[in-house]
Amino acid sequence: LIAIGGSNAKPSEVVDGVSDVSYETSGRRSTVASPAVDRYPIIK
């Protein structure tokens, strides 16, 4: 999973509960990847 997460990672965002807009913030400092379930058997 670490190897998969190391590719296609982007800065993590948070979702505003009122506007539904995603944005970067200093309160969340990480990168995130959302691997496709149909591409990686381990995810499934």
PDB file of all heavy atoms in Angstrom:
ATOM      1  N   LEU A   1       0.825  -1.209   0.000  1.00  0.00           N
ATOM      2  CA  LEU A   1       0.000   0.000   0.000  1.00  0.00           C
ATOM      3  C   LEU A   1       0.862   1.262   0.000  1.00  0.00           C
ATOM      4  O   LEU A   1       0.520   2.261  -0.646  1.00  0.00           O
ATOM      5  CB  LEU A   1      -0.941  -0.006   1.202  1.00  0.00           C
ATOM      6  CG  LEU A   1      -2.106  -0.990   1.153  1.00  0.00           C
ATOM      7  CD1 LEU A   1      -2.865  -0.997   2.470  1.00  0.00           C
ATOM      8  CD2 LEU A   1      -3.054  -0.652   0.002  1.00  0.00           C
ATOM      9  N   ILE A   2       1.987   1.228   0.704  1.00  0.00           N
ATOM     10  CA  ILE A   2       2.900   2.366   0.703  1.00  0.00           C
ATOM     11  C   ILE A   2       3.446   2.610  -0.700  1.00  0.00           C
ATOM     12  O   ILE A   2       3.501   3.754  -1.176  1.00  0.00           O
ATOM     13  CB  ILE A   2       4.046   2.142   1.706  1.00  0.00           C
ATOM     14  CG1 ILE A   2       3.531   2.273   3.141  1.00  0.00           C
ATOM     15  CG2 ILE A   2       5.186   3.137   1.462  1.00  0.00           C
ATOM     16  CD1 ILE A   2       4.557   1.912   4.204  1.00  0.00           C
ATOM     17  N   ALA A   3       3.820   1.533  -1.381  1.00  0.00           N
ATOM     18  CA  ALA A   3       4.339   1.676  -2.744  1.00  0.00           C
ATOM     19  C   ALA A   3       3.288   2.262  -3.679  1.00  0.00           C
ATOM     20  O   ALA A   3       3.583   3.125  -4.518  1.00  0.00           O
ATOM     21  CB  ALA A   3       4.810   0.317  -3.265  1.00  0.00           C
ATOM     22  N   ILE A   4       2.050   1.821  -3.518  1.00  0.00           N
ATOM     23  CA  ILE A   4       0.957   2.342  -4.341  1.00  0.00           C
ATOM     24  C   ILE A   4       0.702   3.816  -4.015  1.00  0.00           C
ATOM     25  O   ILE A   4       0.506   4.649  -4.905  1.00  0.00           O
ATOM     26  CB  ILE A   4      -0.324   1.517  -4.111  1.00  0.00           C
ATOM     27  CG1 ILE A   4      -0.154   0.099  -4.660  1.00  0.00           C
ATOM     28  CG2 ILE A   4      -1.529   2.196  -4.765  1.00  0.00           C
ATOM     29  CD1 ILE A   4      -1.268  -0.845  -4.279  1.00  0.00           C
ATOM     30  N   GLY A   5       0.727   4.127  -2.714  1.00  0.00           N
ATOM     31  CA  GLY A   5       0.454   5.496  -2.289  1.00  0.00           C
ATOM     32  C   GLY A   5       1.532   6.482  -2.686  1.00  0.00           C
ATOM     33  O   GLY A   5       1.289   7.688  -2.743  1.00  0.00           O
ATOM     34  N   GLY A   6       2.720   5.973  -2.980  1.00  0.00           N
ATOM     35  CA  GLY A   6       3.799   6.857  -3.367  1.00  0.00           C
ATOM     36  C   GLY A   6       3.666   7.399  -4.772  1.00  0.00           C
ATOM     37  O   GLY A   6       4.359   8.346  -5.156  1.00  0.00           O
ATOM     38  N   SER A   7       2.761   6.822  -5.552  1.00  0.00           N
ATOM     39  CA  SER A   7       2.534   7.309  -6.909  1.00  0.00           C
ATOM     40  C   SER A   7       1.217   8.078  -6.963  1.00  0.00           C
ATOM     41  O   SER A   7       0.267   7.747  -6.253  1.00  0.00           O
ATOM     42  CB  SER A   7       2.485   6.135  -7.892  1.00  0.00           C
ATOM     43  OG  SER A   7       1.440   5.238  -7.557  1.00  0.00           O
ATOM     44  N   ASN A   8       1.182   9.090  -7.778  1.00  0.00           N
ATOM     45  CA  ASN A   8      -0.028   9.907  -7.986  1.00  0.00           C
ATOM     46  C   ASN A   8      -0.509  10.607  -6.717  1.00  0.00           C
ATOM     47  O   ASN A   8      -1.696  10.916  -6.581  1.00  0.00           O
ATOM     48  CB  ASN A   8      -1.173   9.040  -8.543  1.00  0.00           C
ATOM     49  CG  ASN A   8      -0.825   8.410  -9.872  1.00  0.00           C
ATOM     50  OD1 ASN A   8      -0.280   9.073 -10.755  1.00  0.00           O
ATOM     51  ND2 ASN A   8      -1.123   7.123 -10.008  1.00  0.00           N
ATOM     52  N   ALA A   9       0.412  10.860  -5.806  1.00  0.00           N
ATOM     53  CA  ALA A   9       0.036  11.563  -4.577  1.00  0.00           C
ATOM     54  C   ALA A   9      -0.077  13.062  -4.837  1.00  0.00           C
ATOM     55  O   ALA A   9       0.617  13.619  -5.694  1.00  0.00           O
ATOM     56  CB  ALA A   9       1.059  11.294  -3.489  1.00  0.00           C
ATOM     57  N   LYS A  10      -0.941  13.695  -4.091  1.00  0.00           N
ATOM     58  CA  LYS A  10      -1.129  15.140  -4.191  1.00  0.00           C
ATOM     59  C   LYS A  10      -1.345  15.694  -2.789  1.00  0.00           C
ATOM     60  O   LYS A  10      -1.640  14.941  -1.851  1.00  0.00           O
ATOM     61  CB  LYS A  10      -2.330  15.460  -5.082  1.00  0.00           C
ATOM     62  CG  LYS A  10      -3.645  14.911  -4.558  1.00  0.00           C
ATOM     63  CD  LYS A  10      -4.803  15.246  -5.490  1.00  0.00           C
ATOM     64  CE  LYS A  10      -6.135  14.730  -4.918  1.00  0.00           C
ATOM     65  NZ  LYS A  10      -7.270  15.062  -5.799  1.00  0.00           N
ATOM     66  N   PRO A  11      -1.212  17.009  -2.614  1.00  0.00           N
ATOM     67  CA  PRO A  11      -1.433  17.578  -1.277  1.00  0.00           C
ATOM     68  C   PRO A  11      -2.839  17.277  -0.762  1.00  0.00           C
ATOM     69  O   PRO A  11      -3.816  17.343  -1.511  1.00  0.00           O
ATOM     70  CB  PRO A  11      -1.231  19.081  -1.507  1.00  0.00           C
ATOM     71  CG  PRO A  11      -0.358  19.169  -2.717  1.00  0.00           C
ATOM     72  CD  PRO A  11      -0.767  18.021  -3.591  1.00  0.00           C
ATOM     73  N   SER A  12      -2.923  16.910   0.511  1.00  0.00           N
ATOM     74  CA  SER A  12      -4.224  16.634   1.113  1.00  0.00           C
ATOM     75  C   SER A  12      -5.037  17.915   1.263  1.00  0.00           C
ATOM     76  O   SER A  12      -4.485  19.004   1.453  1.00  0.00           O
ATOM     77  CB  SER A  12      -4.038  15.990   2.491  1.00  0.00           C
ATOM     78  OG  SER A  12      -3.344  14.770   2.398  1.00  0.00           O
ATOM     79  N   GLU A  13      -6.345  17.760   1.177  1.00  0.00           N
ATOM     80  CA  GLU A  13      -7.260  18.885   1.325  1.00  0.00           C
ATOM     81  C   GLU A  13      -8.314  18.561   2.371  1.00  0.00           C
ATOM     82  O   GLU A  13      -8.456  17.413   2.796  1.00  0.00           O
ATOM     83  CB  GLU A  13      -7.947  19.203  -0.018  1.00  0.00           C
ATOM     84  CG  GLU A  13      -6.981  19.617  -1.118  1.00  0.00           C
ATOM     85  CD  GLU A  13      -7.687  19.897  -2.436  1.00  0.00           C
ATOM     86  OE1 GLU A  13      -8.787  19.332  -2.648  1.00  0.00           O
ATOM     87  OE2 GLU A  13      -7.157  20.676  -3.240  1.00  0.00           O
ATOM     88  N   VAL A  14      -9.044  19.573   2.792  1.00  0.00           N
ATOM     89  CA  VAL A  14     -10.207  19.384   3.655  1.00  0.00           C
ATOM     90  C   VAL A  14     -11.432  19.897   2.903  1.00  0.00           C
ATOM     91  O   VAL A  14     -11.322  20.711   1.981  1.00  0.00           O
ATOM     92  CB  VAL A  14     -10.059  20.120   5.001  1.00  0.00           C
ATOM     93  CG1 VAL A  14      -8.872  19.582   5.779  1.00  0.00           C
ATOM     94  CG2 VAL A  14      -9.912  21.627   4.794  1.00  0.00           C
ATOM     95  N   VAL A  15     -12.601  19.395   3.298  1.00  0.00           N
ATOM     96  CA  VAL A  15     -13.851  19.792   2.651  1.00  0.00           C
ATOM     97  C   VAL A  15     -14.619  20.712   3.570  1.00  0.00           C
ATOM     98  O   VAL A  15     -14.874  20.377   4.734  1.00  0.00           O
ATOM     99  CB  VAL A  15     -14.720  18.561   2.311  1.00  0.00           C
ATOM    100  CG1 VAL A  15     -16.035  18.996   1.676  1.00  0.00           C
ATOM    101  CG2 VAL A  15     -13.972  17.624   1.379  1.00  0.00           C
ATOM    102  N   ASP A  16     -14.988  21.891   3.067  1.00  0.00           N
ATOM    103  CA  ASP A  16     -15.827  22.815   3.831  1.00  0.00           C
ATOM    104  C   ASP A  16     -17.239  22.233   3.930  1.00  0.00           C
ATOM    105  O   ASP A  16     -17.856  21.923   2.912  1.00  0.00           O
ATOM    106  CB  ASP A  16     -15.867  24.184   3.150  1.00  0.00           C
ATOM    107  CG  ASP A  16     -16.615  25.210   3.970  1.00  0.00           C
ATOM    108  OD1 ASP A  16     -17.866  25.206   3.917  1.00  0.00           O
ATOM    109  OD2 ASP A  16     -15.972  26.011   4.658  1.00  0.00           O
ATOM    110  N   GLY A  17     -17.719  22.059   5.157  1.00  0.00           N
ATOM    111  CA  GLY A  17     -19.009  21.420   5.370  1.00  0.00           C
ATOM    112  C   GLY A  17     -20.199  22.216   4.883  1.00  0.00           C
ATOM    113  O   GLY A  17     -21.293  21.663   4.724  1.00  0.00           O
ATOM    114  N   VAL A  18     -20.013  23.518   4.645  1.00  0.00           N
ATOM    115  CA  VAL A  18     -21.120  24.365   4.201  1.00  0.00           C
ATOM    116  C   VAL A  18     -21.092  24.548   2.687  1.00  0.00           C
ATOM    117  O   VAL A  18     -22.079  24.312   1.984  1.00  0.00           O
ATOM    118  CB  VAL A  18     -21.075  25.745   4.903  1.00  0.00           C
ATOM    119  CG1 VAL A  18     -22.197  26.637   4.368  1.00  0.00           C
ATOM    120  CG2 VAL A  18     -21.211  25.573   6.401  1.00  0.00           C
ATOM    121  N   SER A  19     -19.928  24.941   2.150  1.00  0.00           N
ATOM    122  CA  SER A  19     -19.824  25.221   0.712  1.00  0.00           C
ATOM    123  C   SER A  19     -19.524  23.975  -0.110  1.00  0.00           C
ATOM    124  O   SER A  19     -19.710  23.982  -1.329  1.00  0.00           O
ATOM    125  CB  SER A  19     -18.734  26.263   0.464  1.00  0.00           C
ATOM    126  OG  SER A  19     -17.456  25.736   0.785  1.00  0.00           O
ATOM    127  N   ASP A  20     -19.039  22.910   0.547  1.00  0.00           N
ATOM    128  CA  ASP A  20     -18.658  21.658  -0.121  1.00  0.00           C
ATOM    129  C   ASP A  20     -17.419  21.844  -0.989  1.00  0.00           C
ATOM    130  O   ASP A  20     -17.144  21.029  -1.869  1.00  0.00           O
ATOM    131  CB  ASP A  20     -19.820  21.105  -0.960  1.00  0.00           C
ATOM    132  CG  ASP A  20     -19.746  19.590  -1.149  1.00  0.00           C
ATOM    133  OD1 ASP A  20     -19.148  18.926  -0.288  1.00  0.00           O
ATOM    134  OD2 ASP A  20     -20.281  19.090  -2.143  1.00  0.00           O
ATOM    135  N   VAL A  21     -16.651  22.899  -0.737  1.00  0.00           N
ATOM    136  CA  VAL A  21     -15.439  23.187  -1.497  1.00  0.00           C
ATOM    137  C   VAL A  21     -14.233  22.572  -0.781  1.00  0.00           C
ATOM    138  O   VAL A  21     -14.099  22.681   0.437  1.00  0.00           O
ATOM    139  CB  VAL A  21     -15.237  24.707  -1.650  1.00  0.00           C
ATOM    140  CG1 VAL A  21     -13.885  25.008  -2.291  1.00  0.00           C
ATOM    141  CG2 VAL A  21     -16.359  25.305  -2.480  1.00  0.00           C
ATOM    142  N   SER A  22     -13.351  21.916  -1.551  1.00  0.00           N
ATOM    143  CA  SER A  22     -12.127  21.348  -1.000  1.00  0.00           C
ATOM    144  C   SER A  22     -10.994  22.360  -1.123  1.00  0.00           C
ATOM    145  O   SER A  22     -10.889  23.066  -2.126  1.00  0.00           O
ATOM    146  CB  SER A  22     -11.749  20.062  -1.739  1.00  0.00           C
ATOM    147  OG  SER A  22     -12.740  19.077  -1.591  1.00  0.00           O
ATOM    148  N   TYR A  23     -10.128  22.423  -0.115  1.00  0.00           N
ATOM    149  CA  TYR A  23      -9.029  23.379  -0.154  1.00  0.00           C
ATOM    150  C   TYR A  23      -7.877  22.885   0.731  1.00  0.00           C
ATOM    151  O   TYR A  23      -8.073  22.088   1.655  1.00  0.00           O
ATOM    152  CB  TYR A  23      -9.490  24.760   0.325  1.00  0.00           C
ATOM    153  CG  TYR A  23     -10.029  24.770   1.751  1.00  0.00           C
ATOM    154  CD1 TYR A  23      -9.211  25.088   2.838  1.00  0.00           C
ATOM    155  CD2 TYR A  23     -11.353  24.444   2.005  1.00  0.00           C
ATOM    156  CE1 TYR A  23      -9.701  25.093   4.127  1.00  0.00           C
ATOM    157  CE2 TYR A  23     -11.861  24.445   3.303  1.00  0.00           C
ATOM    158  CZ  TYR A  23     -11.026  24.768   4.350  1.00  0.00           C
ATOM    159  OH  TYR A  23     -11.520  24.758   5.644  1.00  0.00           O
ATOM    160  N   GLU A  24      -6.669  23.342   0.419  1.00  0.00           N
ATOM    161  CA  GLU A  24      -5.506  23.027   1.227  1.00  0.00           C
ATOM    162  C   GLU A  24      -5.470  23.948   2.444  1.00  0.00           C
ATOM    163  O   GLU A  24      -5.918  25.093   2.388  1.00  0.00           O
ATOM    164  CB  GLU A  24      -4.229  23.193   0.416  1.00  0.00           C
ATOM    165  CG  GLU A  24      -4.080  22.202  -0.732  1.00  0.00           C
ATOM    166  CD  GLU A  24      -2.790  22.408  -1.505  1.00  0.00           C
ATOM    167  OE1 GLU A  24      -1.770  22.757  -0.874  1.00  0.00           O
ATOM    168  OE2 GLU A  24      -2.800  22.235  -2.736  1.00  0.00           O
ATOM    169  N   THR A  25      -4.926  23.435   3.548  1.00  0.00           N
ATOM    170  CA  THR A  25      -4.828  24.223   4.773  1.00  0.00           C
ATOM    171  C   THR A  25      -3.593  23.804   5.544  1.00  0.00           C
ATOM    172  O   THR A  25      -3.159  22.635   5.457  1.00  0.00           O
ATOM    173  CB  THR A  25      -6.075  24.033   5.661  1.00  0.00           C
ATOM    174  OG1 THR A  25      -5.854  24.641   6.938  1.00  0.00           O
ATOM    175  CG2 THR A  25      -6.392  22.563   5.877  1.00  0.00           C
ATOM    176  N   SER A  26      -3.022  24.735   6.293  1.00  0.00           N
ATOM    177  CA  SER A  26      -1.832  24.431   7.087  1.00  0.00           C
ATOM    178  C   SER A  26      -2.145  23.447   8.206  1.00  0.00           C
ATOM    179  O   SER A  26      -1.235  22.846   8.787  1.00  0.00           O
ATOM    180  CB  SER A  26      -1.252  25.724   7.681  1.00  0.00           C
ATOM    181  OG  SER A  26      -2.207  26.359   8.515  1.00  0.00           O
ATOM    182  N   GLY A  27      -3.426  23.272   8.520  1.00  0.00           N
ATOM    183  CA  GLY A  27      -3.821  22.332   9.561  1.00  0.00           C
ATOM    184  C   GLY A  27      -3.802  20.880   9.110  1.00  0.00           C
ATOM    185  O   GLY A  27      -3.961  19.972   9.935  1.00  0.00           O
ATOM    186  N   ARG A  28      -3.613  20.647   7.813  1.00  0.00           N
ATOM    187  CA  ARG A  28      -3.511  19.289   7.300  1.00  0.00           C
ATOM    188  C   ARG A  28      -2.322  19.229   6.364  1.00  0.00           C
ATOM    189  O   ARG A  28      -2.413  19.610   5.193  1.00  0.00           O
ATOM    190  CB  ARG A  28      -4.794  18.864   6.589  1.00  0.00           C
ATOM    191  CG  ARG A  28      -4.794  17.377   6.242  1.00  0.00           C
ATOM    192  CD  ARG A  28      -6.052  16.925   5.524  1.00  0.00           C
ATOM    193  NE  ARG A  28      -6.065  15.461   5.435  1.00  0.00           N
ATOM    194  CZ  ARG A  28      -6.929  14.753   4.702  1.00  0.00           C
ATOM    195  NH1 ARG A  28      -7.867  15.376   3.999  1.00  0.00           N
ATOM    196  NH2 ARG A  28      -6.861  13.447   4.682  1.00  0.00           N
ATOM    197  N   ARG A  29      -1.207  18.733   6.871  1.00  0.00           N
ATOM    198  CA  ARG A  29       0.033  18.697   6.100  1.00  0.00           C
ATOM    199  C   ARG A  29       0.407  17.245   5.806  1.00  0.00           C
ATOM    200  O   ARG A  29       0.996  16.557   6.638  1.00  0.00           O
ATOM    201  CB  ARG A  29       1.151  19.406   6.856  1.00  0.00           C
ATOM    202  CG  ARG A  29       0.970  20.924   6.886  1.00  0.00           C
ATOM    203  CD  ARG A  29       2.092  21.602   7.620  1.00  0.00           C
ATOM    204  NE  ARG A  29       1.990  21.390   9.062  1.00  0.00           N
ATOM    205  CZ  ARG A  29       2.937  21.739   9.938  1.00  0.00           C
ATOM    206  NH1 ARG A  29       4.068  22.267   9.512  1.00  0.00           N
ATOM    207  NH2 ARG A  29       2.759  21.539  11.228  1.00  0.00           N
ATOM    208  N   SER A  30       0.025  16.802   4.620  1.00  0.00           N
ATOM    209  CA  SER A  30       0.315  15.444   4.172  1.00  0.00           C
ATOM    210  C   SER A  30       0.049  15.375   2.684  1.00  0.00           C
ATOM    211  O   SER A  30      -0.431  16.337   2.082  1.00  0.00           O
ATOM    212  CB  SER A  30      -0.565  14.423   4.904  1.00  0.00           C
ATOM    213  OG  SER A  30      -1.939  14.648   4.625  1.00  0.00           O
ATOM    214  N   THR A  31       0.368  14.239   2.081  1.00  0.00           N
ATOM    215  CA  THR A  31      -0.058  13.972   0.714  1.00  0.00           C
ATOM    216  C   THR A  31      -1.008  12.788   0.731  1.00  0.00           C
ATOM    217  O   THR A  31      -1.007  11.975   1.658  1.00  0.00           O
ATOM    218  CB  THR A  31       1.138  13.671  -0.211  1.00  0.00           C
ATOM    219  OG1 THR A  31       1.848  12.524   0.284  1.00  0.00           O
ATOM    220  CG2 THR A  31       2.073  14.858  -0.289  1.00  0.00           C
ATOM    221  N   VAL A  32      -1.831  12.690  -0.315  1.00  0.00           N
ATOM    222  CA  VAL A  32      -2.851  11.645  -0.363  1.00  0.00           C
ATOM    223  C   VAL A  32      -2.933  11.069  -1.767  1.00  0.00           C
ATOM    224  O   VAL A  32      -2.765  11.784  -2.760  1.00  0.00           O
ATOM    225  CB  VAL A  32      -4.228  12.201   0.075  1.00  0.00           C
ATOM    226  CG1 VAL A  32      -4.680  13.341  -0.835  1.00  0.00           C
ATOM    227  CG2 VAL A  32      -5.275  11.104   0.137  1.00  0.00           C
ATOM    228  N   ALA A  33      -3.162   9.774  -1.839  1.00  0.00           N
ATOM    229  CA  ALA A  33      -3.433   9.095  -3.100  1.00  0.00           C
ATOM    230  C   ALA A  33      -4.684   8.263  -2.922  1.00  0.00           C
ATOM    231  O   ALA A  33      -4.909   7.683  -1.856  1.00  0.00           O
ATOM    232  CB  ALA A  33      -2.260   8.208  -3.506  1.00  0.00           C
ATOM    233  N   SER A  34      -5.525   8.225  -3.940  1.00  0.00           N
ATOM    234  CA  SER A  34      -6.754   7.425  -3.920  1.00  0.00           C
ATOM    235  C   SER A  34      -6.676   6.390  -5.031  1.00  0.00           C
ATOM    236  O   SER A  34      -7.204   6.595  -6.127  1.00  0.00           O
ATOM    237  CB  SER A  34      -7.989   8.324  -4.088  1.00  0.00           C
ATOM    238  OG  SER A  34      -8.084   9.255  -3.032  1.00  0.00           O
ATOM    239  N   PRO A  35      -6.024   5.260  -4.781  1.00  0.00           N
ATOM    240  CA  PRO A  35      -5.811   4.261  -5.841  1.00  0.00           C
ATOM    241  C   PRO A  35      -7.126   3.658  -6.318  1.00  0.00           C
ATOM    242  O   PRO A  35      -8.045   3.416  -5.528  1.00  0.00           O
ATOM    243  CB  PRO A  35      -4.942   3.197  -5.151  1.00  0.00           C
ATOM    244  CG  PRO A  35      -4.402   3.856  -3.917  1.00  0.00           C
ATOM    245  CD  PRO A  35      -5.423   4.851  -3.507  1.00  0.00           C
ATOM    246  N   ALA A  36      -7.218   3.403  -7.616  1.00  0.00           N
ATOM    247  CA  ALA A  36      -8.423   2.824  -8.202  1.00  0.00           C
ATOM    248  C   ALA A  36      -8.567   1.368  -7.775  1.00  0.00           C
ATOM    249  O   ALA A  36      -7.623   0.585  -7.884  1.00  0.00           O
ATOM    250  CB  ALA A  36      -8.378   2.923  -9.727  1.00  0.00           C
ATOM    251  N   VAL A  37      -9.753   1.028  -7.297  1.00  0.00           N
ATOM    252  CA  VAL A  37      -9.989  -0.325  -6.798  1.00  0.00           C
ATOM    253  C   VAL A  37      -9.865  -1.366  -7.892  1.00  0.00           C
ATOM    254  O   VAL A  37      -9.460  -2.509  -7.635  1.00  0.00           O
ATOM    255  CB  VAL A  37     -11.375  -0.398  -6.110  1.00  0.00           C
ATOM    256  CG1 VAL A  37     -12.483  -0.208  -7.127  1.00  0.00           C
ATOM    257  CG2 VAL A  37     -11.544  -1.706  -5.362  1.00  0.00           C
ATOM    258  N   ASP A  38     -10.177  -1.002  -9.137  1.00  0.00           N
ATOM    259  CA  ASP A  38     -10.111  -1.956 -10.238  1.00  0.00           C
ATOM    260  C   ASP A  38      -8.701  -2.111 -10.815  1.00  0.00           C
ATOM    261  O   ASP A  38      -8.456  -2.963 -11.660  1.00  0.00           O
ATOM    262  CB  ASP A  38     -11.090  -1.571 -11.345  1.00  0.00           C
ATOM    263  CG  ASP A  38     -10.875  -0.164 -11.877  1.00  0.00           C
ATOM    264  OD1 ASP A  38     -10.061   0.567 -11.300  1.00  0.00           O
ATOM    265  OD2 ASP A  38     -11.534   0.198 -12.867  1.00  0.00           O
ATOM    266  N   ARG A  39      -7.768  -1.312 -10.331  1.00  0.00           N
ATOM    267  CA  ARG A  39      -6.380  -1.381 -10.823  1.00  0.00           C
ATOM    268  C   ARG A  39      -5.467  -2.160  -9.880  1.00  0.00           C
ATOM    269  O   ARG A  39      -4.501  -2.775 -10.320  1.00  0.00           O
ATOM    270  CB  ARG A  39      -5.839   0.036 -11.032  1.00  0.00           C
ATOM    271  CG  ARG A  39      -4.435   0.073 -11.604  1.00  0.00           C
ATOM    272  CD  ARG A  39      -3.982   1.493 -11.866  1.00  0.00           C
ATOM    273  NE  ARG A  39      -2.618   1.537 -12.382  1.00  0.00           N
ATOM    274  CZ  ARG A  39      -1.937   2.651 -12.615  1.00  0.00           C
ATOM    275  NH1 ARG A  39      -2.506   3.837 -12.398  1.00  0.00           N
ATOM    276  NH2 ARG A  39      -0.696   2.594 -13.062  1.00  0.00           N
ATOM    277  N   TYR A  40      -5.800  -2.127  -8.598  1.00  0.00           N
ATOM    278  CA  TYR A  40      -4.949  -2.752  -7.599  1.00  0.00           C
ATOM    279  C   TYR A  40      -5.743  -3.778  -6.794  1.00  0.00           C
ATOM    280  O   TYR A  40      -6.601  -3.412  -5.976  1.00  0.00           O
ATOM    281  CB  TYR A  40      -4.374  -1.699  -6.649  1.00  0.00           C
ATOM    282  CG  TYR A  40      -3.534  -0.641  -7.327  1.00  0.00           C
ATOM    283  CD1 TYR A  40      -4.069   0.620  -7.601  1.00  0.00           C
ATOM    284  CD2 TYR A  40      -2.220  -0.907  -7.693  1.00  0.00           C
ATOM    285  CE1 TYR A  40      -3.293   1.592  -8.217  1.00  0.00           C
ATOM    286  CE2 TYR A  40      -1.446   0.058  -8.308  1.00  0.00           C
ATOM    287  CZ  TYR A  40      -1.992   1.308  -8.576  1.00  0.00           C
ATOM    288  OH  TYR A  40      -1.226   2.260  -9.183  1.00  0.00           O
ATOM    289  N   PRO A  41      -5.478  -5.065  -6.987  1.00  0.00           N
ATOM    290  CA  PRO A  41      -6.220  -6.109  -6.265  1.00  0.00           C
ATOM    291  C   PRO A  41      -6.154  -5.966  -4.746  1.00  0.00           C
ATOM    292  O   PRO A  41      -7.121  -6.311  -4.055  1.00  0.00           O
ATOM    293  CB  PRO A  41      -5.532  -7.401  -6.729  1.00  0.00           C
ATOM    294  CG  PRO A  41      -4.973  -7.072  -8.072  1.00  0.00           C
ATOM    295  CD  PRO A  41      -4.553  -5.640  -7.982  1.00  0.00           C
ATOM    296  N   ILE A  42      -5.047  -5.435  -4.219  1.00  0.00           N
ATOM    297  CA  ILE A  42      -4.920  -5.287  -2.772  1.00  0.00           C
ATOM    298  C   ILE A  42      -5.983  -4.334  -2.223  1.00  0.00           C
ATOM    299  O   ILE A  42      -6.492  -4.529  -1.112  1.00  0.00           O
ATOM    300  CB  ILE A  42      -3.498  -4.788  -2.391  1.00  0.00           C
ATOM    301  CG1 ILE A  42      -3.337  -4.698  -0.878  1.00  0.00           C
ATOM    302  CG2 ILE A  42      -3.203  -3.448  -3.031  1.00  0.00           C
ATOM    303  CD1 ILE A  42      -3.482  -5.987  -0.130  1.00  0.00           C
ATOM    304  N   ILE A  43      -6.353  -3.304  -2.989  1.00  0.00           N
ATOM    305  CA  ILE A  43      -7.362  -2.354  -2.539  1.00  0.00           C
ATOM    306  C   ILE A  43      -8.712  -3.061  -2.418  1.00  0.00           C
ATOM    307  O   ILE A  43      -9.424  -2.911  -1.411  1.00  0.00           O
ATOM    308  CB  ILE A  43      -7.483  -1.154  -3.504  1.00  0.00           C
ATOM    309  CG1 ILE A  43      -6.126  -0.471  -3.696  1.00  0.00           C
ATOM    310  CG2 ILE A  43      -8.522  -0.168  -2.991  1.00  0.00           C
ATOM    311  CD1 ILE A  43      -5.542   0.101  -2.434  1.00  0.00           C
ATOM    312  N   LYS A  44      -9.051  -3.850  -3.410  1.00  0.00           N
ATOM    313  CA  LYS A  44     -10.300  -4.600  -3.376  1.00  0.00           C
ATOM    314  C   LYS A  44     -10.336  -5.568  -2.203  1.00  0.00           C
ATOM    315  O   LYS A  44     -11.362  -5.709  -1.520  1.00  0.00           O
ATOM    316  CB  LYS A  44     -10.486  -5.366  -4.691  1.00  0.00           C
ATOM    317  CG  LYS A  44     -11.808  -6.099  -4.810  1.00  0.00           C
ATOM    318  CD  LYS A  44     -11.955  -6.737  -6.183  1.00  0.00           C
ATOM    319  CE  LYS A  44     -13.314  -7.431  -6.309  1.00  0.00           C
ATOM    320  NZ  LYS A  44     -13.484  -8.032  -7.670  1.00  0.00           N
TER     321      LYS A  44
END
